[in-house]
Amino acid sequence: MTSTTPQEGTAAAPLHWHADGVSLVLDGAGPLLPRVLHWGAELRDCSDAELAAPTAWS
């Protein structure tokens, strides 16, 4: 499994886990529980900005 997390000291970026052709993208920026932005086909080579804008890949 591979994951990407935001750099320390930066704005909260989406958390992206992916393995075996599946991706899970979570938005943990709010005060409540994380929000699922994507759970499905693997998203490859997406920047943090692209992951934060689900309309770009949905």
Protein backbone atom coordinates (compact mmCIF):
# COMPACT_ATOMS: atom_id res chain seq x y z
CA MET A 1 0.00 0.00 0.00
CA THR A 2 1.21 3.49 -0.80
CA SER A 3 0.05 6.65 0.91
CA THR A 4 0.69 10.33 0.49
CA THR A 5 0.28 12.82 3.31
CA PRO A 6 0.62 16.59 3.51
CA GLN A 7 3.98 18.17 4.29
CA GLU A 8 4.43 19.50 7.83
CA GLY A 9 3.46 23.15 8.14
CA THR A 10 1.28 23.19 5.01
CA ALA A 11 -2.47 23.39 4.61
CA ALA A 12 -4.20 20.05 5.04
CA ALA A 13 -4.00 18.16 1.78
CA PRO A 14 -6.13 15.11 1.04
CA LEU A 15 -4.80 11.79 2.29
CA HIS A 16 -4.40 9.32 -0.61
CA TRP A 17 -3.96 5.59 -0.06
CA HIS A 18 -3.73 3.27 -3.05
CA ALA A 19 -2.92 -0.39 -3.70
CA ASP A 20 -3.89 -3.14 -6.12
CA GLY A 21 -5.81 -0.82 -8.45
CA VAL A 22 -7.91 0.88 -5.72
CA SER A 23 -7.60 4.38 -4.21
CA LEU A 24 -9.04 5.91 -1.06
CA VAL A 25 -8.86 9.71 -0.79
CA LEU A 26 -9.82 11.33 2.53
CA ASP A 27 -10.26 15.01 3.41
CA GLY A 28 -9.40 15.54 7.07
CA ALA A 29 -9.26 19.33 6.98
CA GLY A 30 -12.51 19.95 8.84
CA PRO A 31 -13.20 19.76 12.56
CA LEU A 32 -15.30 16.61 12.26
CA LEU A 33 -14.60 13.12 10.96
CA PRO A 34 -12.67 12.82 7.67
CA ARG A 35 -14.74 13.02 4.50
CA VAL A 36 -14.33 10.36 1.80
CA LEU A 37 -13.59 12.13 -1.50
CA HIS A 38 -12.99 8.99 -3.55
CA TRP A 39 -13.08 5.24 -3.03
CA GLY A 40 -12.72 3.26 -6.22
CA ALA A 41 -10.46 2.92 -9.24
CA GLU A 42 -6.84 3.82 -8.56
CA LEU A 43 -5.92 7.44 -9.16
CA ARG A 44 -2.38 7.61 -10.47
CA ASP A 45 -0.03 10.60 -10.61
CA CYS A 46 -2.50 13.06 -9.04
CA SER A 47 -1.22 16.19 -7.34
CA ASP A 48 -2.64 17.35 -3.99
CA ALA A 49 -4.58 20.06 -5.85
CA GLU A 50 -6.14 17.48 -8.18
CA LEU A 51 -7.04 15.21 -5.27
CA ALA A 52 -8.73 18.13 -3.50
CA ALA A 53 -10.90 18.83 -6.59
CA PRO A 54 -12.84 15.58 -7.16
CA THR A 55 -14.61 17.04 -10.20
CA ALA A 56 -11.26 16.91 -11.99
CA TRP A 57 -11.22 13.10 -11.95
CA SER A 58 -14.83 12.00 -11.44
